[in-house]
């Protein structure tokens, strides 16, 4: 559906034999059913632009593929080895790329044509997964090959995700960024966390190569959708090229001197240390503290995803009544109390209610944080600033996981949750006043280079 289609389409109708007119001609071309039009308009309003619809479709498609591999990847590793070190190494190899290459990915995103970068990287991802699927089908997939493929996929995803995160503010009007990010996050929760993992497990049971072949097809389809975009200029044609390290340093300096974005990055870094400490032993907590088995542990992820979907339905209502800064403050309090509640309870159903609320908070926090960053950061710096945030995200998780393991080993399975509660509470007190910068970030520091009008669905040249 083109970006120019609006509610209440006009034009000649096709009348059925019953005398009713279920189809009407749109103002651009072709015929559209009013009910379908209303559904699409509700899910993806035309005001967000055709370009955003392609971005959203690509995001949902590739996230479904990632969700499939989220379950199939560990199953493949477990089918090749029962060595605990190698199993843990598989997870580490997927976390390392953002730390190793995140800042470089941001600099290249701001230097290169972002559309072509995404297409190139996603094509490479599809090839790697396709070759892995072929090796699995031919029974030539050793554990070394599987681990290598995971590292390559994590590296490619670092570059693809960083570049993809810069597309929305280039295509969507600033006032609609919250609505656009709401839809992207809702798709992520639905297909990556809810639909993808069980589908991946089912496909793996049907044939070990099947989920990886499916992932390759979905990632390739996502690249094709991105190829339909036509992006406005984003300062890639600078006459004087600088060294890439200077570009990275410029992004870090910008973050440090921008009060609102600096606050967000510091917050996600510290809160991921506390979160990573608690969640690193979540499987042990579920088994030893709550008495849950494997199925019960899997339900935790589902409950959190359901909480995210509930927040999706109410996010627009929230943002119309609560300031972004207050949303962030409420979220920090909720996360702090989450750790306290989990440290205290031994009852599974109470913990599930806590996980449900936490899932809603995670959605609201993530959507609000990316919206604030997109509104405040100039287009030419979106990639580098996003990469600094990415390093904060994964840096906090890695440090937190190490702390959590040590605390659980010496203080029991609830020790990381007590650490998370105390650490979060102290940080909330310290950061509380700084969150005032968030309230006016998009009015005071909004980029001058506002996005171009919604792009057509014609492929870029």
Protein backbone atom coordinates (compact mmCIF):
# COMPACT_ATOMS: atom_id res chain seq x y z
CA UNK A 1 0.00 0.00 0.00
CA UNK A 2 1.49 3.31 -1.02
CA UNK A 3 2.24 6.08 1.44
CA UNK A 4 -0.39 8.30 -0.15
CA UNK A 5 -3.32 6.02 0.69
CA UNK A 6 -5.49 7.55 3.40
CA UNK A 7 -8.66 6.52 5.15
CA UNK A 8 -11.85 7.10 3.20
CA UNK A 9 -10.54 6.21 -0.25
CA UNK A 10 -12.34 7.80 -3.15
CA UNK A 11 -12.89 6.64 -6.72
CA UNK A 12 -15.01 4.28 -8.77
CA UNK A 13 -16.10 1.08 -7.09
CA UNK A 14 -16.37 -2.48 -8.34
CA UNK A 15 -19.91 -3.61 -7.55
CA UNK A 16 -20.46 -7.29 -6.83
CA UNK A 17 -23.43 -9.27 -8.09
CA UNK A 18 -25.06 -8.82 -4.70
CA UNK A 19 -25.05 -5.08 -5.20
CA UNK A 20 -22.43 -4.42 -2.47
CA UNK A 21 -19.07 -2.75 -3.08
CA UNK A 22 -16.38 -4.56 -1.06
CA UNK A 23 -13.53 -3.16 -3.16
CA UNK A 24 -12.70 0.46 -3.95
CA UNK A 25 -10.04 2.00 -6.12
CA UNK A 26 -7.32 3.74 -4.13
CA UNK A 27 -6.10 7.22 -5.05
CA UNK A 28 -2.79 5.83 -6.31
CA UNK A 29 -3.34 2.57 -8.17
CA UNK A 30 -5.04 -0.82 -7.86
CA UNK A 31 -7.96 -1.87 -5.67
CA UNK A 32 -7.99 -2.21 -1.91
CA UNK A 33 -10.47 -3.78 0.47
CA UNK A 34 -11.67 -1.26 3.10
CA UNK A 35 -11.39 -3.74 5.98
CA UNK A 36 -7.87 -4.78 5.00
CA UNK A 37 -6.99 -1.14 4.50
CA UNK A 38 -8.14 -0.28 8.02
CA UNK A 39 -6.18 -3.20 9.49
CA UNK A 40 -2.99 -2.19 7.68
CA UNK A 41 -3.54 1.46 8.55
CA UNK A 42 -3.88 0.54 12.23
CA UNK A 43 -0.79 -1.68 12.25
CA UNK A 44 1.38 0.57 10.08
CA UNK A 45 -0.18 4.01 9.54
CA UNK A 46 0.43 5.58 6.14
CA UNK A 47 1.84 8.67 7.84
CA UNK A 48 4.91 6.61 8.78
CA UNK A 49 5.68 6.23 5.08
CA UNK A 50 6.19 3.39 2.64
CA UNK A 51 9.90 3.39 3.43
CA UNK A 52 9.18 2.55 7.05
CA UNK A 53 6.86 -0.24 5.97
CA UNK A 54 9.75 -1.84 4.09
CA UNK A 55 12.01 -1.40 7.15
CA UNK A 56 9.36 -2.91 9.43
CA UNK A 57 8.76 -5.86 7.10
CA UNK A 58 12.51 -6.49 6.89
CA UNK A 59 12.86 -6.23 10.67
CA UNK A 60 10.06 -8.70 11.35
CA UNK A 61 11.32 -11.13 8.71
CA UNK A 62 14.94 -11.20 9.86
CA UNK A 63 13.91 -11.27 13.54
CA UNK A 64 11.84 -14.38 12.85
CA UNK A 65 14.94 -15.99 11.39
CA UNK A 66 17.02 -14.89 14.38
CA UNK A 67 14.38 -16.26 16.76
CA UNK A 68 14.48 -19.61 14.98
CA UNK A 69 18.26 -19.81 15.40
CA UNK A 70 17.93 -18.63 19.02
CA UNK A 71 16.63 -22.12 19.80
CA UNK A 72 18.23 -24.12 16.99
CA UNK A 73 21.77 -22.78 17.61
CA UNK A 74 22.18 -24.13 21.17
CA UNK A 75 20.48 -27.37 20.12
CA UNK A 76 23.02 -27.80 17.32
CA UNK A 77 25.91 -27.12 19.69
CA UNK A 78 24.52 -29.61 22.22
CA UNK A 79 24.15 -32.21 19.47
CA UNK A 80 27.85 -31.86 18.65
CA UNK A 81 29.35 -31.75 22.15
CA UNK A 82 28.49 -32.18 25.83
CA UNK A 83 31.57 -30.22 26.93
CA UNK A 84 30.31 -27.44 29.22
CA UNK A 85 33.23 -25.21 28.22
CA UNK A 86 32.37 -25.44 24.53
CA UNK A 87 28.69 -24.83 25.23
CA UNK A 88 29.57 -21.70 27.22
CA UNK A 89 32.04 -20.67 24.49
CA UNK A 90 29.21 -20.72 21.95
CA UNK A 91 27.33 -18.07 23.94
CA UNK A 92 30.49 -16.03 24.45
CA UNK A 93 31.28 -16.04 20.72
CA UNK A 94 27.90 -14.43 20.06
CA UNK A 95 28.42 -11.75 22.73
CA UNK A 96 31.99 -10.86 21.77
CA UNK A 97 31.43 -9.23 18.33
CA UNK A 98 29.53 -6.17 19.64
CA UNK A 99 32.38 -5.51 22.08
CA UNK A 100 35.12 -6.12 19.52
CA UNK A 101 33.56 -4.46 16.49
CA UNK A 102 30.68 -2.32 17.78
CA UNK A 103 32.50 1.02 17.56
CA UNK A 104 33.90 0.17 14.14
CA UNK A 105 30.43 -0.80 12.94
CA UNK A 106 29.13 2.59 14.06
CA UNK A 107 31.87 4.48 12.24
CA UNK A 108 31.32 2.52 9.02
CA UNK A 109 27.57 3.05 9.27
CA UNK A 110 28.15 6.81 9.26
CA UNK A 111 30.75 6.61 6.47
CA UNK A 112 29.07 4.25 4.00
CA UNK A 113 25.75 3.99 2.21
CA UNK A 114 23.64 2.46 4.98
CA UNK A 115 21.23 0.72 2.66
CA UNK A 116 24.03 -1.01 0.75
CA UNK A 117 25.83 -1.88 3.97
CA UNK A 118 22.75 -3.70 5.31
CA UNK A 119 22.16 -5.50 2.03
CA UNK A 120 25.80 -6.61 1.83
CA UNK A 121 26.00 -7.80 5.43
CA UNK A 122 22.63 -9.58 5.36
CA UNK A 123 23.61 -11.29 2.12
CA UNK A 124 26.81 -12.47 3.79
CA UNK A 125 24.76 -13.70 6.77
CA UNK A 126 22.49 -15.67 4.44
CA UNK A 127 25.50 -17.24 2.72
CA UNK A 128 27.15 -18.26 6.02
CA UNK A 129 23.93 -19.79 7.40
CA UNK A 130 23.24 -21.46 4.07
CA UNK A 131 26.68 -23.07 4.07
CA UNK A 132 26.18 -24.16 7.69
CA UNK A 133 22.84 -25.72 6.76
CA UNK A 134 24.52 -27.58 3.89
CA UNK A 135 27.30 -28.83 6.19
CA UNK A 136 24.72 -30.03 8.74
CA UNK A 137 22.70 -31.78 6.03
CA UNK A 138 25.84 -33.52 4.76
CA UNK A 139 26.91 -34.38 8.32
CA UNK A 140 30.12 -32.36 8.00
CA UNK A 141 29.34 -29.76 10.68
CA UNK A 142 32.00 -30.23 13.35
CA UNK A 143 31.81 -28.27 16.59
CA UNK A 144 34.70 -26.09 15.38
CA UNK A 145 32.73 -25.21 12.22
CA UNK A 146 29.59 -24.46 14.24
CA UNK A 147 31.44 -22.16 16.64
CA UNK A 148 33.15 -20.37 13.76
CA UNK A 149 29.80 -19.83 12.05
CA UNK A 150 28.32 -18.41 15.26
CA UNK A 151 31.14 -15.90 15.60
CA UNK A 152 30.79 -14.84 11.96
CA UNK A 153 27.03 -14.46 12.35
CA UNK A 154 27.44 -12.44 15.53
CA UNK A 155 29.93 -10.17 13.76
CA UNK A 156 27.69 -9.66 10.73
CA UNK A 157 24.68 -9.03 12.95
CA UNK A 158 26.62 -6.34 14.83
CA UNK A 159 27.11 -4.38 11.60
CA UNK A 160 23.60 -5.06 10.28
CA UNK A 161 21.81 -4.11 13.51
CA UNK A 162 23.80 -0.92 13.94
CA UNK A 163 23.08 0.25 10.40
CA UNK A 164 19.42 -0.81 10.60
CA UNK A 165 18.89 1.22 13.78
CA UNK A 166 19.71 4.41 11.86
CA UNK A 167 17.04 3.92 9.17
CA UNK A 168 13.94 4.82 11.17
CA UNK A 169 14.92 8.43 12.00
CA UNK A 170 15.86 8.92 8.34
CA UNK A 171 12.41 7.88 7.11
CA UNK A 172 9.92 8.75 9.84
CA UNK A 173 8.92 12.25 11.04
CA UNK A 174 10.38 13.01 14.47
CA UNK A 175 7.02 13.20 16.22
CA UNK A 176 6.16 9.69 14.98
CA UNK A 177 9.40 8.01 16.09
CA UNK A 178 7.80 6.59 19.25
CA UNK A 179 4.99 5.01 17.19
CA UNK A 180 7.49 3.59 14.70
CA UNK A 181 9.75 2.11 17.39
CA UNK A 182 6.71 0.69 19.17
CA UNK A 183 5.91 -1.36 16.06
CA UNK A 184 9.48 -2.55 15.58
CA UNK A 185 9.77 -3.62 19.21
CA UNK A 186 6.36 -5.32 19.10
CA UNK A 187 7.49 -7.32 16.08
CA UNK A 188 10.72 -8.25 17.83
CA UNK A 189 8.84 -9.56 20.86
CA UNK A 190 6.28 -11.44 18.77
CA UNK A 191 8.49 -13.16 16.21
CA UNK A 192 11.90 -13.23 17.90
CA UNK A 193 10.90 -14.16 21.43
CA UNK A 194 7.48 -15.81 21.09
CA UNK A 195 7.15 -17.41 17.66
CA UNK A 196 10.77 -17.94 16.63
CA UNK A 197 12.23 -20.18 19.37
CA UNK A 198 9.47 -22.83 19.45
CA UNK A 199 9.41 -22.85 15.64
CA UNK A 200 13.19 -23.25 15.60
CA UNK A 201 13.01 -26.18 18.02
CA UNK A 202 10.28 -27.83 15.96
CA UNK A 203 12.21 -27.38 12.72
CA UNK A 204 15.35 -28.76 14.36
CA UNK A 205 13.41 -31.85 15.46
CA UNK A 206 12.18 -32.29 11.89
CA UNK A 207 15.69 -32.04 10.45
CA UNK A 208 18.78 -30.41 11.93
CA UNK A 209 19.56 -28.45 8.76
CA UNK A 210 16.01 -27.14 8.32
CA UNK A 211 16.03 -24.21 10.77
CA UNK A 212 19.31 -22.89 9.39
CA UNK A 213 18.14 -23.13 5.79
CA UNK A 214 14.96 -21.30 6.85
CA UNK A 215 17.01 -18.62 8.56
CA UNK A 216 19.10 -18.11 5.43
CA UNK A 217 15.97 -17.61 3.32
CA UNK A 218 14.44 -15.15 5.80
CA UNK A 219 17.61 -13.05 6.10
CA UNK A 220 17.94 -12.94 2.31
CA UNK A 221 14.30 -11.84 2.06
CA UNK A 222 15.00 -9.08 4.59
CA UNK A 223 17.88 -7.84 2.42
CA UNK A 224 15.59 -7.72 -0.61
CA UNK A 225 13.09 -5.61 1.33
CA UNK A 226 15.81 -3.15 2.36
CA UNK A 227 16.82 -2.87 -1.30
CA UNK A 228 13.42 -1.25 -1.94
CA UNK A 229 14.33 1.76 0.17
CA UNK A 230 15.28 5.19 -1.05
CA UNK A 231 17.11 7.03 1.71
CA UNK A 232 17.77 10.75 2.05
CA UNK A 233 21.44 11.85 2.16
CA UNK A 234 23.19 11.26 5.48
CA UNK A 235 26.51 13.06 5.14
CA UNK A 236 28.39 10.21 3.46
CA UNK A 237 29.89 12.53 0.84
CA UNK A 238 32.28 14.48 3.06
CA UNK A 239 35.02 16.01 1.01
CA UNK A 240 37.74 15.43 3.61
CA UNK A 241 38.02 11.90 4.92
CA UNK A 242 39.33 11.34 8.43
CA UNK A 243 40.84 8.22 9.95
CA UNK A 244 38.21 5.82 11.21
CA UNK A 245 39.62 6.08 14.74
CA UNK A 246 39.00 9.83 14.62
CA UNK A 247 35.41 9.14 13.58
CA UNK A 248 34.99 6.77 16.52
CA UNK A 249 36.47 9.32 18.91
CA UNK A 250 34.08 11.96 17.58
CA UNK A 251 31.12 9.72 18.37
CA UNK A 252 32.37 9.00 21.89
CA UNK A 253 32.98 12.72 22.54
CA UNK A 254 29.51 13.59 21.28
CA UNK A 255 27.94 11.11 23.68
CA UNK A 256 30.01 12.37 26.60
CA UNK A 257 29.09 16.02 26.01
CA UNK A 258 25.38 15.38 25.40
CA UNK A 259 23.73 15.21 28.81
CA UNK A 260 20.62 13.19 27.86
CA UNK A 261 22.36 10.55 25.71
CA UNK A 262 25.27 10.29 28.16
CA UNK A 263 22.74 9.60 30.91
CA UNK A 264 21.08 6.88 28.83
CA UNK A 265 24.37 5.14 28.01
CA UNK A 266 25.60 5.23 31.62
CA UNK A 267 22.24 3.95 32.81
CA UNK A 268 22.15 1.00 30.39
CA UNK A 269 25.77 0.16 31.24
CA UNK A 270 25.24 0.09 35.02
CA UNK A 271 21.81 -1.51 34.90
CA UNK A 272 23.08 -4.24 32.58
CA UNK A 273 25.82 -5.02 35.09
CA UNK A 274 23.16 -5.57 37.78
CA UNK A 275 20.75 -7.26 35.36
CA UNK A 276 23.50 -9.46 33.91
CA UNK A 277 24.56 -10.54 37.40
CA UNK A 278 21.05 -11.68 38.32
CA UNK A 279 20.02 -13.15 34.98
CA UNK A 280 23.31 -15.05 34.52
CA UNK A 281 22.13 -17.52 37.17
CA UNK A 282 18.44 -17.38 36.29
CA UNK A 283 18.28 -21.04 35.29
CA UNK A 284 19.75 -22.07 38.67
CA UNK A 285 17.44 -19.63 40.47
CA UNK A 286 14.41 -21.11 38.71
CA UNK A 287 15.41 -24.66 39.59
CA UNK A 288 16.74 -24.25 43.13
CA UNK A 289 14.69 -21.32 44.42
CA UNK A 290 11.39 -21.68 42.57
CA UNK A 291 11.42 -25.44 42.01
CA UNK A 292 10.82 -25.12 38.26
CA UNK A 293 11.86 -27.72 35.73
CA UNK A 294 13.02 -27.21 32.16
CA UNK A 295 9.52 -26.40 30.93
CA UNK A 296 8.93 -23.97 33.77
CA UNK A 297 12.17 -22.20 33.02
CA UNK A 298 11.10 -21.83 29.40
CA UNK A 299 7.83 -20.29 30.55
CA UNK A 300 9.77 -17.39 32.13
CA UNK A 301 10.80 -16.11 28.69
CA UNK A 302 7.26 -16.51 27.41
CA UNK A 303 5.80 -14.61 30.37
CA UNK A 304 8.24 -11.74 29.85
CA UNK A 305 7.33 -11.60 26.16
CA UNK A 306 3.63 -11.49 27.06
CA UNK A 307 4.38 -8.57 29.36
CA UNK A 308 6.06 -6.84 26.45
CA UNK A 309 3.00 -7.36 24.26
CA UNK A 310 0.74 -5.92 26.98
CA UNK A 311 2.99 -2.85 27.10
CA UNK A 312 2.79 -2.61 23.32
CA UNK A 313 -0.96 -2.12 23.49
CA UNK A 314 -0.68 0.65 26.05
CA UNK A 315 2.50 2.41 24.96
CA UNK A 316 0.77 5.10 22.91
CA UNK A 317 -1.53 5.87 25.83
CA UNK A 318 1.47 6.09 28.18
CA UNK A 319 3.50 8.45 26.00
CA UNK A 320 0.54 10.82 25.67
CA UNK A 321 0.19 11.12 29.44
CA UNK A 322 3.65 10.57 30.91
CA UNK A 323 6.84 12.41 29.95
CA UNK A 324 9.73 10.40 28.57
CA UNK A 325 11.89 11.28 31.57
CA UNK A 326 9.21 10.03 33.98
CA UNK A 327 8.85 6.84 31.97
CA UNK A 328 12.56 6.25 32.42
CA UNK A 329 12.38 6.96 36.16
CA UNK A 330 9.42 4.61 36.61
CA UNK A 331 11.27 1.92 34.65
CA UNK A 332 14.38 2.17 36.83
CA UNK A 333 12.27 1.82 39.97
CA UNK A 334 10.44 -1.20 38.52
CA UNK A 335 13.71 -2.93 37.60
CA UNK A 336 15.16 -2.25 41.05
CA UNK A 337 12.09 -3.67 42.77
CA UNK A 338 12.13 -6.65 40.39
CA UNK A 339 15.48 -7.75 41.81
CA UNK A 340 14.23 -7.27 45.37
CA UNK A 341 11.04 -9.26 44.77
CA UNK A 342 12.93 -12.14 43.15
CA UNK A 343 15.47 -12.17 45.98
CA UNK A 344 12.66 -12.50 48.53
CA UNK A 345 10.13 -14.85 46.93
CA UNK A 346 10.21 -18.63 46.81
CA UNK A 347 6.81 -18.92 45.13
CA UNK A 348 6.74 -19.61 41.39
CA UNK A 349 3.48 -17.80 40.62
CA UNK A 350 4.65 -14.66 42.42
CA UNK A 351 7.86 -14.76 40.44
CA UNK A 352 5.88 -15.13 37.21
CA UNK A 353 3.90 -11.97 38.01
CA UNK A 354 7.22 -10.18 38.59
CA UNK A 355 8.55 -11.45 35.26
CA UNK A 356 5.37 -10.29 33.53
CA UNK A 357 5.79 -6.75 34.89
CA UNK A 358 9.49 -6.82 34.09
CA UNK A 359 8.71 -7.78 30.49
CA UNK A 360 6.40 -4.78 30.16
CA UNK A 361 9.08 -2.53 31.66
CA UNK A 362 11.74 -3.85 29.30
CA UNK A 363 9.59 -3.01 26.28
CA UNK A 364 8.76 0.50 27.51
CA UNK A 365 12.36 1.21 28.48
CA UNK A 366 13.81 -0.06 25.21
CA UNK A 367 11.33 1.78 23.03
CA UNK A 368 11.66 5.03 24.98
CA UNK A 369 15.45 4.90 25.07
CA UNK A 370 15.85 4.40 21.32
CA UNK A 371 13.26 7.09 20.59
CA UNK A 372 15.08 9.65 22.75
CA UNK A 373 18.39 8.78 21.11
CA UNK A 374 16.97 9.01 17.60
CA UNK A 375 15.40 12.40 18.31
CA UNK A 376 18.53 13.86 19.87
CA UNK A 377 21.33 12.54 17.65
CA UNK A 378 22.12 14.15 14.27
CA UNK A 379 21.72 11.80 11.32
CA UNK A 380 25.44 11.86 10.50
CA UNK A 381 26.27 10.54 14.01
CA UNK A 382 23.47 7.99 14.46
CA UNK A 383 25.70 5.00 13.72
CA UNK A 384 28.54 5.98 16.05
CA UNK A 385 26.31 7.03 18.93
CA UNK A 386 24.29 3.83 18.54
CA UNK A 387 27.51 1.81 18.65
CA UNK A 388 28.62 3.49 21.90
CA UNK A 389 25.26 2.50 23.38
CA UNK A 390 25.72 -1.05 22.02
CA UNK A 391 29.10 -1.39 23.70
CA UNK A 392 27.49 -0.22 26.93
CA UNK A 393 24.76 -2.84 26.58
CA UNK A 394 27.06 -5.80 26.02
CA UNK A 395 29.87 -4.52 28.22
CA UNK A 396 27.46 -4.39 31.13
CA UNK A 397 26.13 -7.87 30.40
CA UNK A 398 29.59 -9.45 30.22
CA UNK A 399 30.79 -7.80 33.44
CA UNK A 400 27.53 -8.59 35.19
CA UNK A 401 27.63 -12.24 34.17
CA UNK A 402 31.12 -12.56 35.68
CA UNK A 403 30.05 -10.89 38.91
CA UNK A 404 26.91 -13.00 39.15
CA UNK A 405 28.80 -16.24 38.75
CA UNK A 406 31.27 -15.38 41.52
CA UNK A 407 28.53 -14.18 43.89
CA UNK A 408 26.37 -17.26 43.30
CA UNK A 409 29.34 -19.56 43.88
CA UNK A 410 30.17 -17.98 47.25
CA UNK A 411 26.85 -16.60 48.48
CA UNK A 412 24.16 -18.80 47.00
CA UNK A 413 21.76 -18.40 44.12
CA UNK A 414 20.01 -15.32 45.56
CA UNK A 415 23.23 -13.37 46.16
CA UNK A 416 23.32 -11.94 42.60
CA UNK A 417 19.73 -10.70 43.02
CA UNK A 418 20.59 -8.93 46.27
CA UNK A 419 23.61 -7.39 44.56
CA UNK A 420 21.38 -6.31 41.67
CA UNK A 421 18.85 -4.73 44.04
CA UNK A 422 21.40 -2.80 46.10
CA UNK A 423 23.42 -1.73 43.06
CA UNK A 424 20.34 -0.62 41.14
CA UNK A 425 18.94 1.27 44.14
CA UNK A 426 22.18 3.18 44.67
CA UNK A 427 22.45 4.04 40.99
CA UNK A 428 18.81 5.21 40.80
CA UNK A 429 19.51 7.68 43.60
CA UNK A 430 22.66 8.93 41.85
CA UNK A 431 21.12 9.22 38.38
CA UNK A 432 17.65 10.49 39.35
CA UNK A 433 18.34 14.20 38.87
CA UNK A 434 20.29 13.61 35.67
CA UNK A 435 17.20 12.16 34.03
CA UNK A 436 15.79 15.68 33.86
CA UNK A 437 17.97 16.14 30.76
CA UNK A 438 15.90 13.49 29.00
CA UNK A 439 12.70 15.51 29.34
CA UNK A 440 13.84 18.23 26.95
CA UNK A 441 16.30 16.30 24.82
CA UNK A 442 14.28 16.33 21.64
CA UNK A 443 13.21 19.98 21.92
CA UNK A 444 16.63 21.45 22.76
CA UNK A 445 18.96 19.17 20.81
CA UNK A 446 16.86 17.94 17.90
CA UNK A 447 18.80 17.46 14.68
CA UNK A 448 18.42 20.12 12.08
CA UNK A 449 18.44 17.58 9.28
CA UNK A 450 14.85 16.37 9.61
CA UNK A 451 13.92 13.31 7.53
CA UNK A 452 12.84 13.65 3.96
CA UNK A 453 9.21 13.09 2.97
CA UNK A 454 8.12 9.44 3.01
CA UNK A 455 9.99 7.53 0.32
CA UNK A 456 8.26 5.77 -2.54
CA UNK A 457 8.39 2.04 -2.98
CA UNK A 458 10.63 2.35 -6.02
CA UNK A 459 14.08 0.82 -5.61
CA UNK A 460 16.93 3.22 -5.05
CA UNK A 461 19.30 3.92 -7.87
